[in-house]
C-alpha atoms as a PDB file:
ATOM      1  CA  UNK A   1    -238.305  19.711  37.845  1.00  0.00           C
ATOM      2  CA  UNK A   2    -234.963  18.025  38.500  1.00  0.00           C
ATOM      3  CA  UNK A   3    -235.014  19.260  42.098  1.00  0.00           C
ATOM      4  CA  UNK A   4    -238.496  17.787  42.581  1.00  0.00           C
ATOM      5  CA  UNK A   5    -237.270  14.437  41.282  1.00  0.00           C
ATOM      6  CA  UNK A   6    -234.300  14.528  43.629  1.00  0.00           C
ATOM      7  CA  UNK A   7    -236.544  15.268  46.611  1.00  0.00           C
ATOM      8  CA  UNK A   8    -238.875  12.409  45.629  1.00  0.00           C
ATOM      9  CA  UNK A   9    -235.886  10.085  45.231  1.00  0.00           C
ATOM     10  CA  UNK A  10    -234.445  11.123  48.611  1.00  0.00           C
ATOM     11  CA  UNK A  11    -237.807  10.599  50.350  1.00  0.00           C
ATOM     12  CA  UNK A  12    -238.809   7.266  48.785  1.00  0.00           C
ATOM     13  CA  UNK A  13    -235.474   5.868  47.534  1.00  0.00           C
ATOM     14  CA  UNK A  14    -236.959   5.208  44.080  1.00  0.00           C
ATOM     15  CA  UNK A  15    -237.234   7.318  40.975  1.00  0.00           C
ATOM     16  CA  UNK A  16    -240.532   8.881  39.992  1.00  0.00           C
ATOM     17  CA  UNK A  17    -242.086   6.113  37.896  1.00  0.00           C
ATOM     18  CA  UNK A  18    -243.531   7.937  34.898  1.00  0.00           C
ATOM     19  CA  UNK A  19    -240.627  10.312  34.471  1.00  0.00           C
ATOM     20  CA  UNK A  20    -238.186   7.438  34.763  1.00  0.00           C
ATOM     21  CA  UNK A  21    -240.159   5.456  32.168  1.00  0.00           C
ATOM     22  CA  UNK A  22    -240.225   8.436  29.820  1.00  0.00           C
ATOM     23  CA  UNK A  23    -236.512   9.014  30.167  1.00  0.00           C
ATOM     24  CA  UNK A  24    -235.870   5.341  29.424  1.00  0.00           C
ATOM     25  CA  UNK A  25    -238.233   5.100  26.455  1.00  0.00           C
ATOM     26  CA  UNK A  26    -238.081   8.529  24.818  1.00  0.00           C
ATOM     27  CA  UNK A  27    -235.387   7.495  22.338  1.00  0.00           C
ATOM     28  CA  UNK A  28    -236.809   4.012  21.721  1.00  0.00           C
ATOM     29  CA  UNK A  29    -237.753   3.527  18.072  1.00  0.00           C
ATOM     30  CA  UNK A  30    -241.249   2.306  18.837  1.00  0.00           C
ATOM     31  CA  UNK A  31    -242.155   5.442  20.781  1.00  0.00           C
ATOM     32  CA  UNK A  32    -240.375   7.869  18.471  1.00  0.00           C
ATOM     33  CA  UNK A  33    -242.283   6.690  15.428  1.00  0.00           C
ATOM     34  CA  UNK A  34    -245.663   6.600  17.130  1.00  0.00           C
ATOM     35  CA  UNK A  35    -245.468  10.234  18.182  1.00  0.00           C
ATOM     36  CA  UNK A  36    -244.602  11.615  14.730  1.00  0.00           C
ATOM     37  CA  UNK A  37    -246.696  11.685  11.564  1.00  0.00           C
ATOM     38  CA  UNK A  38    -245.478   9.199   8.972  1.00  0.00           C
ATOM     39  CA  UNK A  39    -245.244   9.786   5.223  1.00  0.00           C
ATOM     40  CA  UNK A  40    -248.573   9.689   3.442  1.00  0.00           C
ATOM     41  CA  UNK A  41    -250.582  10.093   6.632  1.00  0.00           C
ATOM     42  CA  UNK A  42    -253.144  12.855   6.763  1.00  0.00           C
ATOM     43  CA  UNK A  43    -252.949  15.519   9.411  1.00  0.00           C
ATOM     44  CA  UNK A  44    -255.406  18.127  10.585  1.00  0.00           C
ATOM     45  CA  UNK A  45    -252.930  20.879   9.834  1.00  0.00           C
ATOM     46  CA  UNK A  46    -252.722  22.166   6.310  1.00  0.00           C
ATOM     47  CA  UNK A  47    -249.327  22.550   4.758  1.00  0.00           C
ATOM     48  CA  UNK A  48    -248.292  25.905   3.376  1.00  0.00           C
ATOM     49  CA  UNK A  49    -247.577  24.547  -0.095  1.00  0.00           C
ATOM     50  CA  UNK A  50    -250.974  22.840  -0.362  1.00  0.00           C
ATOM     51  CA  UNK A  51    -253.224  25.704   0.622  1.00  0.00           C
ATOM     52  CA  UNK A  52    -253.337  29.439   0.970  1.00  0.00           C
ATOM     53  CA  UNK A  53    -251.900  30.811   4.172  1.00  0.00           C
ATOM     54  CA  UNK A  54    -254.596  31.754   6.630  1.00  0.00           C
ATOM     55  CA  UNK A  55    -254.484  33.020  10.168  1.00  0.00           C
ATOM     56  CA  UNK A  56    -255.515  29.635  11.610  1.00  0.00           C
ATOM     57  CA  UNK A  57    -253.259  27.401   9.564  1.00  0.00           C
ATOM     58  CA  UNK A  58    -250.010  26.291  11.133  1.00  0.00           C
ATOM     59  CA  UNK A  59    -247.216  25.516   8.703  1.00  0.00           C
ATOM     60  CA  UNK A  60    -245.443  22.191   9.072  1.00  0.00           C
ATOM     61  CA  UNK A  61    -241.762  22.524   9.797  1.00  0.00           C
ATOM     62  CA  UNK A  62    -239.467  21.554   6.953  1.00  0.00           C
ATOM     63  CA  UNK A  63    -236.665  20.365   9.219  1.00  0.00           C
ATOM     64  CA  UNK A  64    -238.482  17.433  10.815  1.00  0.00           C
ATOM     65  CA  UNK A  65    -236.418  14.380  11.612  1.00  0.00           C
ATOM     66  CA  UNK A  66    -236.675  11.421   9.294  1.00  0.00           C
ATOM     67  CA  UNK A  67    -238.801   8.800  10.994  1.00  0.00           C
ATOM     68  CA  UNK A  68    -237.547   5.249  10.874  1.00  0.00           C
ATOM     69  CA  UNK A  69    -239.938   2.461  10.012  1.00  0.00           C
ATOM     70  CA  UNK A  70    -241.312   0.692  13.029  1.00  0.00           C
ATOM     71  CA  UNK A  71    -240.165  -2.911  13.274  1.00  0.00           C
ATOM     72  CA  UNK A  72    -242.801  -5.622  12.845  1.00  0.00           C
ATOM     73  CA  UNK A  73    -244.455  -7.043  15.920  1.00  0.00           C
ATOM     74  CA  UNK A  74    -243.946 -10.531  17.295  1.00  0.00           C
ATOM     75  CA  UNK A  75    -247.008 -12.002  15.592  1.00  0.00           C
ATOM     76  CA  UNK A  76    -246.177 -10.445  12.220  1.00  0.00           C
ATOM     77  CA  UNK A  77    -242.587 -11.662  12.307  1.00  0.00           C
ATOM     78  CA  UNK A  78    -243.713 -15.198  13.230  1.00  0.00           C
ATOM     79  CA  UNK A  79    -246.246 -15.179  10.381  1.00  0.00           C
ATOM     80  CA  UNK A  80    -243.552 -14.042   7.925  1.00  0.00           C
ATOM     81  CA  UNK A  81    -241.233 -16.788   9.171  1.00  0.00           C
ATOM     82  CA  UNK A  82    -243.929 -19.425   8.638  1.00  0.00           C
ATOM     83  CA  UNK A  83    -244.624 -18.110   5.132  1.00  0.00           C
ATOM     84  CA  UNK A  84    -240.943 -18.205   4.238  1.00  0.00           C
ATOM     85  CA  UNK A  85    -240.665 -21.803   5.496  1.00  0.00           C
ATOM     86  CA  UNK A  86    -243.511 -22.868   3.239  1.00  0.00           C
ATOM     87  CA  UNK A  87    -241.983 -21.138   0.212  1.00  0.00           C
ATOM     88  CA  UNK A  88    -238.365 -22.144   0.820  1.00  0.00           C
ATOM     89  CA  UNK A  89    -238.404 -25.792  -0.296  1.00  0.00           C
ATOM     90  CA  UNK A  90    -239.508 -24.980  -3.854  1.00  0.00           C
ATOM     91  CA  UNK A  91    -237.091 -22.099  -4.200  1.00  0.00           C
ATOM     92  CA  UNK A  92    -234.363 -24.056  -2.474  1.00  0.00           C
ATOM     93  CA  UNK A  93    -234.757 -26.997  -4.853  1.00  0.00           C
ATOM     94  CA  UNK A  94    -234.754 -24.681  -7.856  1.00  0.00           C
ATOM     95  CA  UNK A  95    -231.666 -22.857  -6.627  1.00  0.00           C
ATOM     96  CA  UNK A  96    -229.862 -26.130  -5.957  1.00  0.00           C
ATOM     97  CA  UNK A  97    -230.768 -27.420  -9.407  1.00  0.00           C
ATOM     98  CA  UNK A  98    -229.622 -24.231 -11.129  1.00  0.00           C
ATOM     99  CA  UNK A  99    -226.349 -24.206  -9.191  1.00  0.00           C
ATOM    100  CA  UNK A 100    -225.731 -27.879 -10.021  1.00  0.00           C
ATOM    101  CA  UNK A 101    -226.486 -27.168 -13.685  1.00  0.00           C
ATOM    102  CA  UNK A 102    -224.027 -24.263 -13.729  1.00  0.00           C
ATOM    103  CA  UNK A 103    -221.335 -26.415 -12.130  1.00  0.00           C
ATOM    104  CA  UNK A 104    -221.960 -29.172 -14.656  1.00  0.00           C
ATOM    105  CA  UNK A 105    -221.649 -26.679 -17.535  1.00  0.00           C
ATOM    106  CA  UNK A 106    -218.349 -25.387 -16.152  1.00  0.00           C
ATOM    107  CA  UNK A 107    -217.061 -28.947 -15.790  1.00  0.00           C
ATOM    108  CA  UNK A 108    -217.972 -29.752 -19.380  1.00  0.00           C
ATOM    109  CA  UNK A 109    -216.232 -26.601 -20.644  1.00  0.00           C
ATOM    110  CA  UNK A 110    -213.089 -27.458 -18.671  1.00  0.00           C
ATOM    111  CA  UNK A 111    -213.106 -31.042 -19.986  1.00  0.00           C
ATOM    112  CA  UNK A 112    -213.408 -29.735 -23.551  1.00  0.00           C
ATOM    113  CA  UNK A 113    -210.463 -27.405 -23.017  1.00  0.00           C
ATOM    114  CA  UNK A 114    -208.369 -30.185 -21.511  1.00  0.00           C
ATOM    115  CA  UNK A 115    -209.144 -32.566 -24.361  1.00  0.00           C
ATOM    116  CA  UNK A 116    -208.280 -29.845 -26.914  1.00  0.00           C
ATOM    117  CA  UNK A 117    -204.964 -29.254 -25.153  1.00  0.00           C
ATOM    118  CA  UNK A 118    -204.157 -32.974 -25.192  1.00  0.00           C
ATOM    119  CA  UNK A 119    -204.887 -33.200 -28.915  1.00  0.00           C
ATOM    120  CA  UNK A 120    -202.723 -30.148 -29.584  1.00  0.00           C
ATOM    121  CA  UNK A 121    -199.893 -31.593 -27.479  1.00  0.00           C
ATOM    122  CA  UNK A 122    -200.029 -34.846 -29.418  1.00  0.00           C
ATOM    123  CA  UNK A 123    -199.956 -32.925 -32.731  1.00  0.00           C
ATOM    124  CA  UNK A 124    -196.989 -30.830 -31.604  1.00  0.00           C
ATOM    125  CA  UNK A 125    -195.148 -33.916 -30.308  1.00  0.00           C
ATOM    126  CA  UNK A 126    -195.245 -35.665 -33.707  1.00  0.00           C
ATOM    127  CA  UNK A 127    -191.862 -35.739 -35.441  1.00  0.00           C
ATOM    128  CA  UNK A 128    -193.078 -36.831 -38.872  1.00  0.00           C
ATOM    129  CA  UNK A 129    -194.728 -34.302 -41.193  1.00  0.00           C
ATOM    130  CA  UNK A 130    -198.423 -33.549 -40.541  1.00  0.00           C
ATOM    131  CA  UNK A 131    -201.196 -34.062 -43.071  1.00  0.00           C
ATOM    132  CA  UNK A 132    -203.403 -31.216 -44.252  1.00  0.00           C
ATOM    133  CA  UNK A 133    -206.206 -32.214 -41.847  1.00  0.00           C
ATOM    134  CA  UNK A 134    -203.811 -32.341 -38.907  1.00  0.00           C
ATOM    135  CA  UNK A 135    -202.346 -28.936 -39.870  1.00  0.00           C
ATOM    136  CA  UNK A 136    -205.789 -27.303 -40.056  1.00  0.00           C
ATOM    137  CA  UNK A 137    -206.777 -28.930 -36.744  1.00  0.00           C
ATOM    138  CA  UNK A 138    -203.549 -27.680 -35.165  1.00  0.00           C
ATOM    139  CA  UNK A 139    -204.161 -24.095 -36.370  1.00  0.00           C
ATOM    140  CA  UNK A 140    -207.803 -24.278 -35.268  1.00  0.00           C
ATOM    141  CA  UNK A 141    -206.879 -25.473 -31.756  1.00  0.00           C
ATOM    142  CA  UNK A 142    -204.171 -22.832 -31.368  1.00  0.00           C
ATOM    143  CA  UNK A 143    -206.601 -20.083 -32.458  1.00  0.00           C
ATOM    144  CA  UNK A 144    -209.280 -21.387 -30.056  1.00  0.00           C
ATOM    145  CA  UNK A 145    -206.843 -21.650 -27.166  1.00  0.00           C
ATOM    146  CA  UNK A 146    -205.452 -18.142 -27.537  1.00  0.00           C
ATOM    147  CA  UNK A 147    -208.736 -16.582 -28.726  1.00  0.00           C
ATOM    148  CA  UNK A 148    -207.219 -15.410 -32.015  1.00  0.00           C
END
Protein backbone atom coordinates (compact mmCIF):
# COMPACT_ATOMS: atom_id res chain seq x y z
CA UNK A 1 0.00 0.00 0.00
CA UNK A 2 2.78 2.41 0.94
CA UNK A 3 4.66 1.53 -2.24
CA UNK A 4 1.55 2.27 -4.32
CA UNK A 5 1.23 5.67 -2.66
CA UNK A 6 4.88 6.43 -3.35
CA UNK A 7 4.48 5.51 -7.02
CA UNK A 8 1.37 7.70 -7.29
CA UNK A 9 3.21 10.56 -5.59
CA UNK A 10 6.23 10.17 -7.89
CA UNK A 11 4.01 10.12 -11.00
CA UNK A 12 1.67 13.01 -10.14
CA UNK A 13 3.64 14.96 -7.51
CA UNK A 14 0.64 14.97 -5.15
CA UNK A 15 -0.52 12.57 -2.49
CA UNK A 16 -3.44 10.26 -3.13
CA UNK A 17 -6.38 12.42 -2.04
CA UNK A 18 -8.56 10.07 -0.03
CA UNK A 19 -5.71 8.34 1.74
CA UNK A 20 -4.14 11.68 2.57
CA UNK A 21 -7.48 12.95 3.91
CA UNK A 22 -7.92 9.82 6.01
CA UNK A 23 -4.43 10.08 7.44
CA UNK A 24 -5.07 13.72 8.33
CA UNK A 25 -8.51 13.18 9.86
CA UNK A 26 -8.33 9.72 11.44
CA UNK A 27 -7.38 11.07 14.87
CA UNK A 28 -9.69 14.10 14.69
CA UNK A 29 -12.28 14.04 17.48
CA UNK A 30 -15.22 14.55 15.15
CA UNK A 31 -14.39 11.48 13.07
CA UNK A 32 -13.35 9.29 15.98
CA UNK A 33 -16.65 9.75 17.77
CA UNK A 34 -18.80 9.27 14.69
CA UNK A 35 -17.31 5.88 13.92
CA UNK A 36 -17.82 4.40 17.40
CA UNK A 37 -21.04 3.59 19.23
CA UNK A 38 -21.75 6.03 22.05
CA UNK A 39 -23.12 5.16 25.49
CA UNK A 40 -26.82 4.39 25.52
CA UNK A 41 -27.00 3.86 21.77
CA UNK A 42 -28.50 0.64 20.51
CA UNK A 43 -26.51 -1.67 18.30
CA UNK A 44 -27.48 -4.62 16.17
CA UNK A 45 -25.06 -6.84 18.03
CA UNK A 46 -26.19 -8.37 21.27
CA UNK A 47 -23.89 -8.16 24.23
CA UNK A 48 -22.85 -11.33 25.99
CA UNK A 49 -24.13 -10.18 29.37
CA UNK A 50 -27.57 -9.27 28.00
CA UNK A 51 -28.39 -12.44 26.14
CA UNK A 52 -27.47 -16.07 25.84
CA UNK A 53 -24.45 -16.80 23.70
CA UNK A 54 -25.43 -18.07 20.29
CA UNK A 55 -23.43 -18.95 17.23
CA UNK A 56 -24.45 -15.74 15.41
CA UNK A 57 -23.96 -13.28 18.23
CA UNK A 58 -20.71 -11.36 18.33
CA UNK A 59 -19.59 -10.23 21.77
CA UNK A 60 -18.67 -6.59 22.21
CA UNK A 61 -15.10 -6.06 23.28
CA UNK A 62 -14.64 -4.89 26.85
CA UNK A 63 -11.48 -2.93 26.12
CA UNK A 64 -12.99 -0.32 23.81
CA UNK A 65 -11.56 3.17 24.01
CA UNK A 66 -13.52 5.78 25.89
CA UNK A 67 -15.18 8.03 23.35
CA UNK A 68 -14.98 11.74 23.98
CA UNK A 69 -18.08 13.86 23.58
CA UNK A 70 -18.29 15.57 20.24
CA UNK A 71 -18.03 19.34 20.49
CA UNK A 72 -21.12 21.38 19.60
CA UNK A 73 -21.47 22.69 16.08
CA UNK A 74 -21.21 26.32 15.04
CA UNK A 75 -24.96 26.94 15.10
CA UNK A 76 -25.42 25.29 18.50
CA UNK A 77 -22.58 27.25 20.07
CA UNK A 78 -23.95 30.53 18.66
CA UNK A 79 -27.42 29.71 20.01
CA UNK A 80 -25.96 28.95 23.46
CA UNK A 81 -24.03 32.23 23.38
CA UNK A 82 -27.20 34.17 22.55
CA UNK A 83 -29.09 32.42 25.36
CA UNK A 84 -26.36 33.22 27.86
CA UNK A 85 -26.38 36.89 26.81
CA UNK A 86 -30.10 37.11 27.47
CA UNK A 87 -29.76 35.48 30.89
CA UNK A 88 -26.61 37.28 32.01
CA UNK A 89 -28.00 40.72 32.92
CA UNK A 90 -30.38 39.37 35.57
CA UNK A 91 -27.79 37.05 37.05
CA UNK A 92 -25.11 39.69 36.75
CA UNK A 93 -27.22 42.25 38.62
CA UNK A 94 -28.05 39.72 41.32
CA UNK A 95 -24.41 38.72 41.70
CA UNK A 96 -23.31 42.35 41.89
CA UNK A 97 -25.96 43.09 44.50
CA UNK A 98 -25.02 40.07 46.61
CA UNK A 99 -21.32 40.93 46.42
CA UNK A 100 -22.02 44.55 47.37
CA UNK A 101 -24.17 43.36 50.28
CA UNK A 102 -21.40 41.06 51.51
CA UNK A 103 -18.86 43.87 51.31
CA UNK A 104 -21.18 46.19 53.21
CA UNK A 105 -21.65 43.56 55.95
CA UNK A 106 -17.89 43.14 56.28
CA UNK A 107 -17.44 46.91 56.49
CA UNK A 108 -20.04 47.17 59.23
CA UNK A 109 -18.39 44.36 61.22
CA UNK A 110 -14.99 46.04 60.91
CA UNK A 111 -16.43 49.40 62.00
CA UNK A 112 -18.02 47.74 65.04
CA UNK A 113 -14.70 46.15 65.98
CA UNK A 114 -12.86 49.44 65.57
CA UNK A 115 -15.38 51.33 67.69
CA UNK A 116 -15.17 48.63 70.40
CA UNK A 117 -11.38 48.92 70.39
CA UNK A 118 -11.56 52.71 70.74
CA UNK A 119 -13.94 52.43 73.69
CA UNK A 120 -11.68 49.86 75.34
CA UNK A 121 -8.62 52.06 74.77
CA UNK A 122 -10.37 55.02 76.36
CA UNK A 123 -11.37 52.86 79.36
CA UNK A 124 -7.82 51.56 79.78
CA UNK A 125 -6.37 55.07 79.43
CA UNK A 126 -8.40 56.44 82.37
CA UNK A 127 -6.30 57.07 85.47
CA UNK A 128 -9.16 57.56 87.93
CA UNK A 129 -11.05 54.53 89.26
CA UNK A 130 -13.76 53.07 86.98
CA UNK A 131 -17.41 52.75 87.92
CA UNK A 132 -19.19 49.40 87.99
CA UNK A 133 -20.73 50.00 84.55
CA UNK A 134 -17.36 50.90 83.05
CA UNK A 135 -15.76 47.81 84.65
CA UNK A 136 -18.42 45.47 83.24
CA UNK A 137 -18.14 47.15 79.82
CA UNK A 138 -14.36 46.77 79.94
CA UNK A 139 -14.60 43.04 80.79
CA UNK A 140 -17.27 42.54 78.12
CA UNK A 141 -15.15 44.23 75.42
CA UNK A 142 -12.04 42.27 76.38
CA UNK A 143 -13.99 38.98 76.26
CA UNK A 144 -15.50 39.90 72.87
CA UNK A 145 -12.15 40.94 71.44
CA UNK A 146 -10.31 37.79 72.48
CA UNK A 147 -13.31 35.46 72.03
CA UNK A 148 -13.23 34.34 75.67
